[in-house]
Amino acid sequence: EFAADVRYHGQGFEIPIPVDREAFDGEGAGLSAIASAFDTEHD
């Protein structure tokens, strides 16, 4: 299983976000999924 600790640039803490490794086989899809999952969790 894969995960990324993500934050808004300048924040002093991160939120761990589970990610799907296969999403990174297509350029742009993985990064977009990270941003979307982080926004959902942050909200």
PDB file of all heavy atoms in Angstrom:
ATOM      1  N   GLU A   1       0.850  -1.190   0.000  1.00  0.00           N
ATOM      2  CA  GLU A   1       0.000   0.000   0.000  1.00  0.00           C
ATOM      3  C   GLU A   1       0.884   1.237   0.000  1.00  0.00           C
ATOM      4  O   GLU A   1       1.969   1.248   0.594  1.00  0.00           O
ATOM      5  CB  GLU A   1      -0.922   0.000   1.225  1.00  0.00           C
ATOM      6  CG  GLU A   1      -1.888  -1.180   1.240  1.00  0.00           C
ATOM      7  CD  GLU A   1      -2.679  -1.256   2.530  1.00  0.00           C
ATOM      8  OE1 GLU A   1      -2.088  -0.983   3.592  1.00  0.00           O
ATOM      9  OE2 GLU A   1      -3.877  -1.575   2.466  1.00  0.00           O
ATOM     10  N   PHE A   2       0.390   2.282  -0.669  1.00  0.00           N
ATOM     11  CA  PHE A   2       1.189   3.493  -0.836  1.00  0.00           C
ATOM     12  C   PHE A   2       0.464   4.692  -0.220  1.00  0.00           C
ATOM     13  O   PHE A   2      -0.771   4.735  -0.183  1.00  0.00           O
ATOM     14  CB  PHE A   2       1.448   3.748  -2.322  1.00  0.00           C
ATOM     15  CG  PHE A   2       2.174   2.623  -3.004  1.00  0.00           C
ATOM     16  CD1 PHE A   2       1.471   1.592  -3.623  1.00  0.00           C
ATOM     17  CD2 PHE A   2       3.555   2.585  -3.012  1.00  0.00           C
ATOM     18  CE1 PHE A   2       2.131   0.552  -4.248  1.00  0.00           C
ATOM     19  CE2 PHE A   2       4.231   1.546  -3.637  1.00  0.00           C
ATOM     20  CZ  PHE A   2       3.526   0.531  -4.253  1.00  0.00           C
ATOM     21  N   ALA A   3       1.257   5.644   0.250  1.00  0.00           N
ATOM     22  CA  ALA A   3       0.681   6.853   0.849  1.00  0.00           C
ATOM     23  C   ALA A   3       1.652   8.014   0.655  1.00  0.00           C
ATOM     24  O   ALA A   3       2.857   7.817   0.448  1.00  0.00           O
ATOM     25  CB  ALA A   3       0.390   6.647   2.330  1.00  0.00           C
ATOM     26  N   ALA A   4       1.119   9.206   0.734  1.00  0.00           N
ATOM     27  CA  ALA A   4       1.929  10.419   0.647  1.00  0.00           C
ATOM     28  C   ALA A   4       1.493  11.382   1.738  1.00  0.00           C
ATOM     29  O   ALA A   4       0.297  11.535   1.996  1.00  0.00           O
ATOM     30  CB  ALA A   4       1.770  11.071  -0.724  1.00  0.00           C
ATOM     31  N   ASP A   5       2.465  11.992   2.413  1.00  0.00           N
ATOM     32  CA  ASP A   5       2.164  13.057   3.367  1.00  0.00           C
ATOM     33  C   ASP A   5       2.142  14.372   2.594  1.00  0.00           C
ATOM     34  O   ASP A   5       3.152  14.765   1.984  1.00  0.00           O
ATOM     35  CB  ASP A   5       3.227  13.109   4.464  1.00  0.00           C
ATOM     36  CG  ASP A   5       3.189  11.884   5.364  1.00  0.00           C
ATOM     37  OD1 ASP A   5       2.258  11.079   5.224  1.00  0.00           O
ATOM     38  OD2 ASP A   5       4.107  11.727   6.190  1.00  0.00           O
ATOM     39  N   VAL A   6       0.996  15.038   2.608  1.00  0.00           N
ATOM     40  CA  VAL A   6       0.778  16.208   1.759  1.00  0.00           C
ATOM     41  C   VAL A   6       0.364  17.402   2.609  1.00  0.00           C
ATOM     42  O   VAL A   6      -0.274  17.243   3.657  1.00  0.00           O
ATOM     43  CB  VAL A   6      -0.316  15.908   0.702  1.00  0.00           C
ATOM     44  CG1 VAL A   6      -0.428  17.042  -0.314  1.00  0.00           C
ATOM     45  CG2 VAL A   6      -0.032  14.592  -0.018  1.00  0.00           C
ATOM     46  N   ARG A   7       0.709  18.599   2.141  1.00  0.00           N
ATOM     47  CA  ARG A   7       0.300  19.836   2.804  1.00  0.00           C
ATOM     48  C   ARG A   7       0.144  20.930   1.755  1.00  0.00           C
ATOM     49  O   ARG A   7       0.560  20.771   0.595  1.00  0.00           O
ATOM     50  CB  ARG A   7       1.346  20.263   3.831  1.00  0.00           C
ATOM     51  CG  ARG A   7       2.680  20.649   3.209  1.00  0.00           C
ATOM     52  CD  ARG A   7       3.747  20.928   4.254  1.00  0.00           C
ATOM     53  NE  ARG A   7       5.029  21.276   3.662  1.00  0.00           N
ATOM     54  CZ  ARG A   7       6.164  21.405   4.346  1.00  0.00           C
ATOM     55  NH1 ARG A   7       6.155  21.201   5.652  1.00  0.00           N
ATOM     56  NH2 ARG A   7       7.288  21.730   3.738  1.00  0.00           N
ATOM     57  N   TYR A   8      -0.480  22.021   2.152  1.00  0.00           N
ATOM     58  CA  TYR A   8      -0.411  23.227   1.337  1.00  0.00           C
ATOM     59  C   TYR A   8       0.974  23.839   1.537  1.00  0.00           C
ATOM     60  O   TYR A   8       1.519  23.824   2.655  1.00  0.00           O
ATOM     61  CB  TYR A   8      -1.475  24.235   1.754  1.00  0.00           C
ATOM     62  CG  TYR A   8      -2.884  23.841   1.365  1.00  0.00           C
ATOM     63  CD1 TYR A   8      -3.881  23.719   2.331  1.00  0.00           C
ATOM     64  CD2 TYR A   8      -3.228  23.608   0.043  1.00  0.00           C
ATOM     65  CE1 TYR A   8      -5.179  23.377   1.989  1.00  0.00           C
ATOM     66  CE2 TYR A   8      -4.524  23.263  -0.320  1.00  0.00           C
ATOM     67  CZ  TYR A   8      -5.496  23.146   0.659  1.00  0.00           C
ATOM     68  OH  TYR A   8      -6.769  22.801   0.318  1.00  0.00           O
ATOM     69  N   HIS A   9       1.556  24.370   0.477  1.00  0.00           N
ATOM     70  CA  HIS A   9       2.875  24.978   0.583  1.00  0.00           C
ATOM     71  C   HIS A   9       2.852  26.065   1.661  1.00  0.00           C
ATOM     72  O   HIS A   9       2.010  26.961   1.647  1.00  0.00           O
ATOM     73  CB  HIS A   9       3.288  25.599  -0.759  1.00  0.00           C
ATOM     74  CG  HIS A   9       4.619  26.267  -0.715  1.00  0.00           C
ATOM     75  ND1 HIS A   9       5.789  25.596  -0.436  1.00  0.00           N
ATOM     76  CD2 HIS A   9       4.979  27.575  -0.909  1.00  0.00           C
ATOM     77  CE1 HIS A   9       6.797  26.434  -0.457  1.00  0.00           C
ATOM     78  NE2 HIS A   9       6.334  27.649  -0.736  1.00  0.00           N
ATOM     79  N   GLY A  10       3.766  25.939   2.629  1.00  0.00           N
ATOM     80  CA  GLY A  10       3.837  26.893   3.731  1.00  0.00           C
ATOM     81  C   GLY A  10       3.214  26.393   5.018  1.00  0.00           C
ATOM     82  O   GLY A  10       3.437  26.988   6.082  1.00  0.00           O
ATOM     83  N   GLN A  11       2.407  25.326   4.946  1.00  0.00           N
ATOM     84  CA  GLN A  11       1.828  24.775   6.172  1.00  0.00           C
ATOM     85  C   GLN A  11       2.915  24.099   7.008  1.00  0.00           C
ATOM     86  O   GLN A  11       3.908  23.613   6.471  1.00  0.00           O
ATOM     87  CB  GLN A  11       0.731  23.746   5.846  1.00  0.00           C
ATOM     88  CG  GLN A  11      -0.646  24.359   5.647  1.00  0.00           C
ATOM     89  CD  GLN A  11      -1.721  23.297   5.469  1.00  0.00           C
ATOM     90  OE1 GLN A  11      -1.477  22.263   4.887  1.00  0.00           O
ATOM     91  NE2 GLN A  11      -2.917  23.572   5.954  1.00  0.00           N
ATOM     92  N   GLY A  12       2.668  24.034   8.313  1.00  0.00           N
ATOM     93  CA  GLY A  12       3.639  23.416   9.212  1.00  0.00           C
ATOM     94  C   GLY A  12       3.318  21.987   9.571  1.00  0.00           C
ATOM     95  O   GLY A  12       3.962  21.408  10.444  1.00  0.00           O
ATOM     96  N   PHE A  13       2.333  21.393   8.935  1.00  0.00           N
ATOM     97  CA  PHE A  13       1.975  20.001   9.218  1.00  0.00           C
ATOM     98  C   PHE A  13       1.501  19.351   7.929  1.00  0.00           C
ATOM     99  O   PHE A  13       1.173  20.033   6.954  1.00  0.00           O
ATOM    100  CB  PHE A  13       0.873  19.928  10.280  1.00  0.00           C
ATOM    101  CG  PHE A  13      -0.410  20.597   9.863  1.00  0.00           C
ATOM    102  CD1 PHE A  13      -1.400  19.888   9.195  1.00  0.00           C
ATOM    103  CD2 PHE A  13      -0.624  21.946  10.111  1.00  0.00           C
ATOM    104  CE1 PHE A  13      -2.572  20.512   8.786  1.00  0.00           C
ATOM    105  CE2 PHE A  13      -1.795  22.577   9.705  1.00  0.00           C
ATOM    106  CZ  PHE A  13      -2.772  21.859   9.041  1.00  0.00           C
ATOM    107  N   GLU A  14       1.475  18.025   7.923  1.00  0.00           N
ATOM    108  CA  GLU A  14       1.038  17.283   6.747  1.00  0.00           C
ATOM    109  C   GLU A  14      -0.133  16.384   7.108  1.00  0.00           C
ATOM    110  O   GLU A  14      -0.361  16.069   8.277  1.00  0.00           O
ATOM    111  CB  GLU A  14       2.170  16.401   6.197  1.00  0.00           C
ATOM    112  CG  GLU A  14       3.395  17.163   5.778  1.00  0.00           C
ATOM    113  CD  GLU A  14       4.322  17.447   6.936  1.00  0.00           C
ATOM    114  OE1 GLU A  14       4.614  16.513   7.717  1.00  0.00           O
ATOM    115  OE2 GLU A  14       4.732  18.612   7.093  1.00  0.00           O
ATOM    116  N   ILE A  15      -0.840  15.946   6.077  1.00  0.00           N
ATOM    117  CA  ILE A  15      -1.925  14.980   6.233  1.00  0.00           C
ATOM    118  C   ILE A  15      -1.571  13.747   5.409  1.00  0.00           C
ATOM    119  O   ILE A  15      -1.292  13.870   4.211  1.00  0.00           O
ATOM    120  CB  ILE A  15      -3.271  15.559   5.753  1.00  0.00           C
ATOM    121  CG1 ILE A  15      -3.649  16.789   6.579  1.00  0.00           C
ATOM    122  CG2 ILE A  15      -4.375  14.506   5.843  1.00  0.00           C
ATOM    123  CD1 ILE A  15      -4.907  17.489   6.089  1.00  0.00           C
ATOM    124  N   PRO A  16      -1.545  12.572   6.014  1.00  0.00           N
ATOM    125  CA  PRO A  16      -1.257  11.363   5.234  1.00  0.00           C
ATOM    126  C   PRO A  16      -2.430  11.005   4.323  1.00  0.00           C
ATOM    127  O   PRO A  16      -3.575  10.956   4.764  1.00  0.00           O
ATOM    128  CB  PRO A  16      -1.028  10.287   6.311  1.00  0.00           C
ATOM    129  CG  PRO A  16      -1.726  10.796   7.526  1.00  0.00           C
ATOM    130  CD  PRO A  16      -1.693  12.292   7.453  1.00  0.00           C
ATOM    131  N   ILE A  17      -2.140  10.766   3.046  1.00  0.00           N
ATOM    132  CA  ILE A  17      -3.161  10.486   2.045  1.00  0.00           C
ATOM    133  C   ILE A  17      -2.856   9.141   1.381  1.00  0.00           C
ATOM    134  O   ILE A  17      -1.792   8.982   0.759  1.00  0.00           O
ATOM    135  CB  ILE A  17      -3.201  11.580   0.962  1.00  0.00           C
ATOM    136  CG1 ILE A  17      -3.466  12.959   1.585  1.00  0.00           C
ATOM    137  CG2 ILE A  17      -4.251  11.255  -0.087  1.00  0.00           C
ATOM    138  CD1 ILE A  17      -4.800  13.081   2.267  1.00  0.00           C
ATOM    139  N   PRO A  18      -3.746   8.150   1.477  1.00  0.00           N
ATOM    140  CA  PRO A  18      -3.540   6.899   0.732  1.00  0.00           C
ATOM    141  C   PRO A  18      -3.632   7.177  -0.768  1.00  0.00           C
ATOM    142  O   PRO A  18      -4.464   7.979  -1.211  1.00  0.00           O
ATOM    143  CB  PRO A  18      -4.699   6.003   1.200  1.00  0.00           C
ATOM    144  CG  PRO A  18      -5.229   6.650   2.441  1.00  0.00           C
ATOM    145  CD  PRO A  18      -4.968   8.107   2.310  1.00  0.00           C
ATOM    146  N   VAL A  19      -2.764   6.535  -1.544  1.00  0.00           N
ATOM    147  CA  VAL A  19      -2.773   6.755  -2.987  1.00  0.00           C
ATOM    148  C   VAL A  19      -2.760   5.420  -3.722  1.00  0.00           C
ATOM    149  O   VAL A  19      -2.311   4.402  -3.194  1.00  0.00           O
ATOM    150  CB  VAL A  19      -1.569   7.612  -3.440  1.00  0.00           C
ATOM    151  CG1 VAL A  19      -1.602   8.979  -2.801  1.00  0.00           C
ATOM    152  CG2 VAL A  19      -0.259   6.915  -3.120  1.00  0.00           C
ATOM    153  N   ASP A  20      -3.250   5.439  -4.952  1.00  0.00           N
ATOM    154  CA  ASP A  20      -3.275   4.268  -5.822  1.00  0.00           C
ATOM    155  C   ASP A  20      -2.055   4.331  -6.739  1.00  0.00           C
ATOM    156  O   ASP A  20      -1.922   5.253  -7.552  1.00  0.00           O
ATOM    157  CB  ASP A  20      -4.569   4.270  -6.637  1.00  0.00           C
ATOM    158  CG  ASP A  20      -4.680   3.066  -7.568  1.00  0.00           C
ATOM    159  OD1 ASP A  20      -3.769   2.212  -7.547  1.00  0.00           O
ATOM    160  OD2 ASP A  20      -5.680   2.995  -8.309  1.00  0.00           O
ATOM    161  N   ARG A  21      -1.156   3.363  -6.570  1.00  0.00           N
ATOM    162  CA  ARG A  21       0.079   3.365  -7.385  1.00  0.00           C
ATOM    163  C   ARG A  21      -0.226   3.350  -8.878  1.00  0.00           C
ATOM    164  O   ARG A  21       0.469   4.004  -9.680  1.00  0.00           O
ATOM    165  CB  ARG A  21       0.929   2.159  -6.981  1.00  0.00           C
ATOM    166  CG  ARG A  21       2.043   1.758  -7.943  1.00  0.00           C
ATOM    167  CD  ARG A  21       3.091   2.840  -8.112  1.00  0.00           C
ATOM    168  NE  ARG A  21       4.061   2.461  -9.101  1.00  0.00           N
ATOM    169  CZ  ARG A  21       3.903   2.610 -10.423  1.00  0.00           C
ATOM    170  NH1 ARG A  21       2.797   3.161 -10.901  1.00  0.00           N
ATOM    171  NH2 ARG A  21       4.849   2.251 -11.262  1.00  0.00           N
ATOM    172  N   GLU A  22      -1.247   2.639  -9.312  1.00  0.00           N
ATOM    173  CA  GLU A  22      -1.548   2.515 -10.739  1.00  0.00           C
ATOM    174  C   GLU A  22      -1.941   3.853 -11.364  1.00  0.00           C
ATOM    175  O   GLU A  22      -1.803   4.049 -12.577  1.00  0.00           O
ATOM    176  CB  GLU A  22      -2.658   1.492 -10.959  1.00  0.00           C
ATOM    177  CG  GLU A  22      -2.251   0.070 -10.593  1.00  0.00           C
ATOM    178  CD  GLU A  22      -3.355  -0.922 -10.879  1.00  0.00           C
ATOM    179  OE1 GLU A  22      -4.439  -0.492 -11.346  1.00  0.00           O
ATOM    180  OE2 GLU A  22      -3.145  -2.122 -10.628  1.00  0.00           O
ATOM    181  N   ALA A  23      -2.435   4.783 -10.532  1.00  0.00           N
ATOM    182  CA  ALA A  23      -2.831   6.086 -11.070  1.00  0.00           C
ATOM    183  C   ALA A  23      -1.642   6.855 -11.625  1.00  0.00           C
ATOM    184  O   ALA A  23      -1.808   7.768 -12.444  1.00  0.00           O
ATOM    185  CB  ALA A  23      -3.529   6.906  -9.987  1.00  0.00           C
ATOM    186  N   PHE A  24      -0.416   6.493 -11.224  1.00  0.00           N
ATOM    187  CA  PHE A  24       0.768   7.234 -11.658  1.00  0.00           C
ATOM    188  C   PHE A  24       1.356   6.694 -12.955  1.00  0.00           C
ATOM    189  O   PHE A  24       2.379   7.173 -13.421  1.00  0.00           O
ATOM    190  CB  PHE A  24       1.826   7.213 -10.548  1.00  0.00           C
ATOM    191  CG  PHE A  24       1.427   7.987  -9.336  1.00  0.00           C
ATOM    192  CD1 PHE A  24       0.684   7.388  -8.327  1.00  0.00           C
ATOM    193  CD2 PHE A  24       1.751   9.326  -9.206  1.00  0.00           C
ATOM    194  CE1 PHE A  24       0.290   8.098  -7.219  1.00  0.00           C
ATOM    195  CE2 PHE A  24       1.356  10.052  -8.102  1.00  0.00           C
ATOM    196  CZ  PHE A  24       0.615   9.442  -7.098  1.00  0.00           C
ATOM    197  N   ASP A  25       0.713   5.674 -13.524  1.00  0.00           N
ATOM    198  CA  ASP A  25       1.183   5.156 -14.806  1.00  0.00           C
ATOM    199  C   ASP A  25       0.748   6.045 -15.967  1.00  0.00           C
ATOM    200  O   ASP A  25       1.305   5.967 -17.062  1.00  0.00           O
ATOM    201  CB  ASP A  25       0.662   3.729 -15.025  1.00  0.00           C
ATOM    202  CG  ASP A  25       1.323   2.744 -14.073  1.00  0.00           C
ATOM    203  OD1 ASP A  25       2.454   3.033 -13.629  1.00  0.00           O
ATOM    204  OD2 ASP A  25       0.718   1.703 -13.764  1.00  0.00           O
ATOM    205  N   GLY A  26      -0.271   6.899 -15.743  1.00  0.00           N
ATOM    206  CA  GLY A  26      -0.698   7.864 -16.757  1.00  0.00           C
ATOM    207  C   GLY A  26      -0.331   9.266 -16.305  1.00  0.00           C
ATOM    208  O   GLY A  26      -0.668   9.687 -15.200  1.00  0.00           O
ATOM    209  N   GLU A  27       0.416   9.996 -17.130  1.00  0.00           N
ATOM    210  CA  GLU A  27       0.945  11.298 -16.713  1.00  0.00           C
ATOM    211  C   GLU A  27      -0.166  12.262 -16.305  1.00  0.00           C
ATOM    212  O   GLU A  27      -1.096  12.512 -17.066  1.00  0.00           O
ATOM    213  CB  GLU A  27       1.768  11.915 -17.858  1.00  0.00           C
ATOM    214  CG  GLU A  27       2.619  13.108 -17.413  1.00  0.00           C
ATOM    215  CD  GLU A  27       3.650  12.709 -16.361  1.00  0.00           C
ATOM    216  OE1 GLU A  27       4.256  11.632 -16.497  1.00  0.00           O
ATOM    217  OE2 GLU A  27       3.832  13.485 -15.409  1.00  0.00           O
ATOM    218  N   GLY A  28      -0.068  12.764 -15.049  1.00  0.00           N
ATOM    219  CA  GLY A  28      -1.007  13.758 -14.552  1.00  0.00           C
ATOM    220  C   GLY A  28      -2.114  13.207 -13.691  1.00  0.00           C
ATOM    221  O   GLY A  28      -2.635  13.911 -12.825  1.00  0.00           O
ATOM    222  N   ALA A  29      -2.495  11.943 -13.926  1.00  0.00           N
ATOM    223  CA  ALA A  29      -3.627  11.386 -13.184  1.00  0.00           C
ATOM    224  C   ALA A  29      -3.288  11.190 -11.709  1.00  0.00           C
ATOM    225  O   ALA A  29      -4.112  11.445 -10.829  1.00  0.00           O
ATOM    226  CB  ALA A  29      -4.062  10.056 -13.811  1.00  0.00           C
ATOM    227  N   GLY A  30      -2.066  10.745 -11.416  1.00  0.00           N
ATOM    228  CA  GLY A  30      -1.686  10.495 -10.027  1.00  0.00           C
ATOM    229  C   GLY A  30      -1.606  11.763  -9.208  1.00  0.00           C
ATOM    230  O   GLY A  30      -2.105  11.840  -8.085  1.00  0.00           O
ATOM    231  N   LEU A  31      -0.976  12.806  -9.767  1.00  0.00           N
ATOM    232  CA  LEU A  31      -0.862  14.078  -9.057  1.00  0.00           C
ATOM    233  C   LEU A  31      -2.231  14.689  -8.823  1.00  0.00           C
ATOM    234  O   LEU A  31      -2.505  15.253  -7.750  1.00  0.00           O
ATOM    235  CB  LEU A  31       0.021  15.039  -9.848  1.00  0.00           C
ATOM    236  CG  LEU A  31       1.481  14.611 -10.061  1.00  0.00           C
ATOM    237  CD1 LEU A  31       2.225  15.652 -10.873  1.00  0.00           C
ATOM    238  CD2 LEU A  31       2.176  14.377  -8.719  1.00  0.00           C
ATOM    239  N   SER A  32      -3.096  14.588  -9.811  1.00  0.00           N
ATOM    240  CA  SER A  32      -4.450  15.112  -9.654  1.00  0.00           C
ATOM    241  C   SER A  32      -5.200  14.371  -8.556  1.00  0.00           C
ATOM    242  O   SER A  32      -5.927  14.979  -7.764  1.00  0.00           O
ATOM    243  CB  SER A  32      -5.201  14.994 -10.983  1.00  0.00           C
ATOM    244  OG  SER A  32      -6.547  15.411 -10.840  1.00  0.00           O
ATOM    245  N   ALA A  33      -5.011  13.046  -8.478  1.00  0.00           N
ATOM    246  CA  ALA A  33      -5.668  12.254  -7.444  1.00  0.00           C
ATOM    247  C   ALA A  33      -5.169  12.631  -6.059  1.00  0.00           C
ATOM    248  O   ALA A  33      -5.946  12.701  -5.099  1.00  0.00           O
ATOM    249  CB  ALA A  33      -5.441  10.766  -7.706  1.00  0.00           C
ATOM    250  N   ILE A  34      -3.866  12.897  -5.910  1.00  0.00           N
ATOM    251  CA  ILE A  34      -3.305  13.327  -4.628  1.00  0.00           C
ATOM    252  C   ILE A  34      -3.937  14.645  -4.191  1.00  0.00           C
ATOM    253  O   ILE A  34      -4.359  14.808  -3.033  1.00  0.00           O
ATOM    254  CB  ILE A  34      -1.773  13.464  -4.725  1.00  0.00           C
ATOM    255  CG1 ILE A  34      -1.102  12.093  -4.730  1.00  0.00           C
ATOM    256  CG2 ILE A  34      -1.231  14.294  -3.557  1.00  0.00           C
ATOM    257  CD1 ILE A  34       0.406  12.154  -4.834  1.00  0.00           C
ATOM    258  N   ALA A  35      -4.000  15.615  -5.118  1.00  0.00           N
ATOM    259  CA  ALA A  35      -4.562  16.929  -4.774  1.00  0.00           C
ATOM    260  C   ALA A  35      -6.024  16.810  -4.364  1.00  0.00           C
ATOM    261  O   ALA A  35      -6.463  17.422  -3.379  1.00  0.00           O
ATOM    262  CB  ALA A  35      -4.413  17.877  -5.957  1.00  0.00           C
ATOM    263  N   SER A  36      -6.789  16.019  -5.098  1.00  0.00           N
ATOM    264  CA  SER A  36      -8.214  15.868  -4.802  1.00  0.00           C
ATOM    265  C   SER A  36      -8.433  15.193  -3.454  1.00  0.00           C
ATOM    266  O   SER A  36      -9.262  15.637  -2.651  1.00  0.00           O
ATOM    267  CB  SER A  36      -8.880  15.065  -5.921  1.00  0.00           C
ATOM    268  OG  SER A  36     -10.249  14.834  -5.627  1.00  0.00           O
ATOM    269  N   ALA A  37      -7.678  14.114  -3.190  1.00  0.00           N
ATOM    270  CA  ALA A  37      -7.834  13.394  -1.919  1.00  0.00           C
ATOM    271  C   ALA A  37      -7.427  14.272  -0.744  1.00  0.00           C
ATOM    272  O   ALA A  37      -8.065  14.257   0.318  1.00  0.00           O
ATOM    273  CB  ALA A  37      -7.007  12.113  -1.943  1.00  0.00           C
ATOM    274  N   PHE A  38      -6.357  15.072  -0.920  1.00  0.00           N
ATOM    275  CA  PHE A  38      -5.922  15.965   0.150  1.00  0.00           C
ATOM    276  C   PHE A  38      -6.981  17.019   0.435  1.00  0.00           C
ATOM    277  O   PHE A  38      -7.291  17.307   1.608  1.00  0.00           O
ATOM    278  CB  PHE A  38      -4.606  16.633  -0.223  1.00  0.00           C
ATOM    279  CG  PHE A  38      -4.176  17.693   0.752  1.00  0.00           C
ATOM    280  CD1 PHE A  38      -3.548  17.358   1.938  1.00  0.00           C
ATOM    281  CD2 PHE A  38      -4.425  19.036   0.494  1.00  0.00           C
ATOM    282  CE1 PHE A  38      -3.170  18.338   2.853  1.00  0.00           C
ATOM    283  CE2 PHE A  38      -4.044  20.019   1.394  1.00  0.00           C
ATOM    284  CZ  PHE A  38      -3.412  19.666   2.577  1.00  0.00           C
ATOM    285  N   ASP A  39      -7.551  17.612  -0.601  1.00  0.00           N
ATOM    286  CA  ASP A  39      -8.573  18.637  -0.401  1.00  0.00           C
ATOM    287  C   ASP A  39      -9.786  18.066   0.344  1.00  0.00           C
ATOM    288  O   ASP A  39     -10.347  18.723   1.238  1.00  0.00           O
ATOM    289  CB  ASP A  39      -9.023  19.217  -1.738  1.00  0.00           C
ATOM    290  CG  ASP A  39      -7.993  20.153  -2.348  1.00  0.00           C
ATOM    291  OD1 ASP A  39      -7.076  20.569  -1.621  1.00  0.00           O
ATOM    292  OD2 ASP A  39      -8.103  20.455  -3.553  1.00  0.00           O
ATOM    293  N   THR A  40     -10.177  16.866  -0.021  1.00  0.00           N
ATOM    294  CA  THR A  40     -11.326  16.238   0.652  1.00  0.00           C
ATOM    295  C   THR A  40     -11.044  16.030   2.134  1.00  0.00           C
ATOM    296  O   THR A  40     -11.887  16.335   2.991  1.00  0.00           O
ATOM    297  CB  THR A  40     -11.655  14.889  -0.016  1.00  0.00           C
ATOM    298  OG1 THR A  40     -11.999  15.112  -1.388  1.00  0.00           O
ATOM    299  CG2 THR A  40     -12.809  14.205   0.685  1.00  0.00           C
ATOM    300  N   GLU A  41      -9.856  15.527   2.439  1.00  0.00           N
ATOM    301  CA  GLU A  41      -9.507  15.264   3.839  1.00  0.00           C
ATOM    302  C   GLU A  41      -9.316  16.564   4.610  1.00  0.00           C
ATOM    303  O   GLU A  41      -9.735  16.682   5.769  1.00  0.00           O
ATOM    304  CB  GLU A  41      -8.236  14.411   3.896  1.00  0.00           C
ATOM    305  CG  GLU A  41      -7.836  13.946   5.287  1.00  0.00           C
ATOM    306  CD  GLU A  41      -8.771  12.916   5.876  1.00  0.00           C
ATOM    307  OE1 GLU A  41      -9.760  12.537   5.205  1.00  0.00           O
ATOM    308  OE2 GLU A  41      -8.531  12.481   7.026  1.00  0.00           O
ATOM    309  N   HIS A  42      -8.706  17.553   4.003  1.00  0.00           N
ATOM    310  CA  HIS A  42      -8.487  18.841   4.666  1.00  0.00           C
ATOM    311  C   HIS A  42      -9.823  19.514   4.980  1.00  0.00           C
ATOM    312  O   HIS A  42     -10.017  20.069   6.072  1.00  0.00           O
ATOM    313  CB  HIS A  42      -7.638  19.744   3.769  1.00  0.00           C
ATOM    314  CG  HIS A  42      -7.044  20.930   4.473  1.00  0.00           C
ATOM    315  ND1 HIS A  42      -7.776  22.062   4.751  1.00  0.00           N
ATOM    316  CD2 HIS A  42      -5.802  21.157   4.976  1.00  0.00           C
ATOM    317  CE1 HIS A  42      -7.007  22.945   5.374  1.00  0.00           C
ATOM    318  NE2 HIS A  42      -5.794  22.414   5.525  1.00  0.00           N
ATOM    319  N   ASP A  43     -10.754  19.448   4.047  1.00  0.00           N
ATOM    320  CA  ASP A  43     -12.071  20.049   4.267  1.00  0.00           C
ATOM    321  C   ASP A  43     -12.823  19.318   5.380  1.00  0.00           C
ATOM    322  O   ASP A  43     -13.508  19.946   6.190  1.00  0.00           O
ATOM    323  CB  ASP A  43     -12.876  20.013   2.969  1.00  0.00           C
ATOM    324  CG  ASP A  43     -14.202  20.757   3.089  1.00  0.00           C
ATOM    325  OD1 ASP A  43     -14.190  21.936   3.494  1.00  0.00           O
ATOM    326  OD2 ASP A  43     -15.245  20.152   2.794  1.00  0.00           O
TER     327      ASP A  43
END
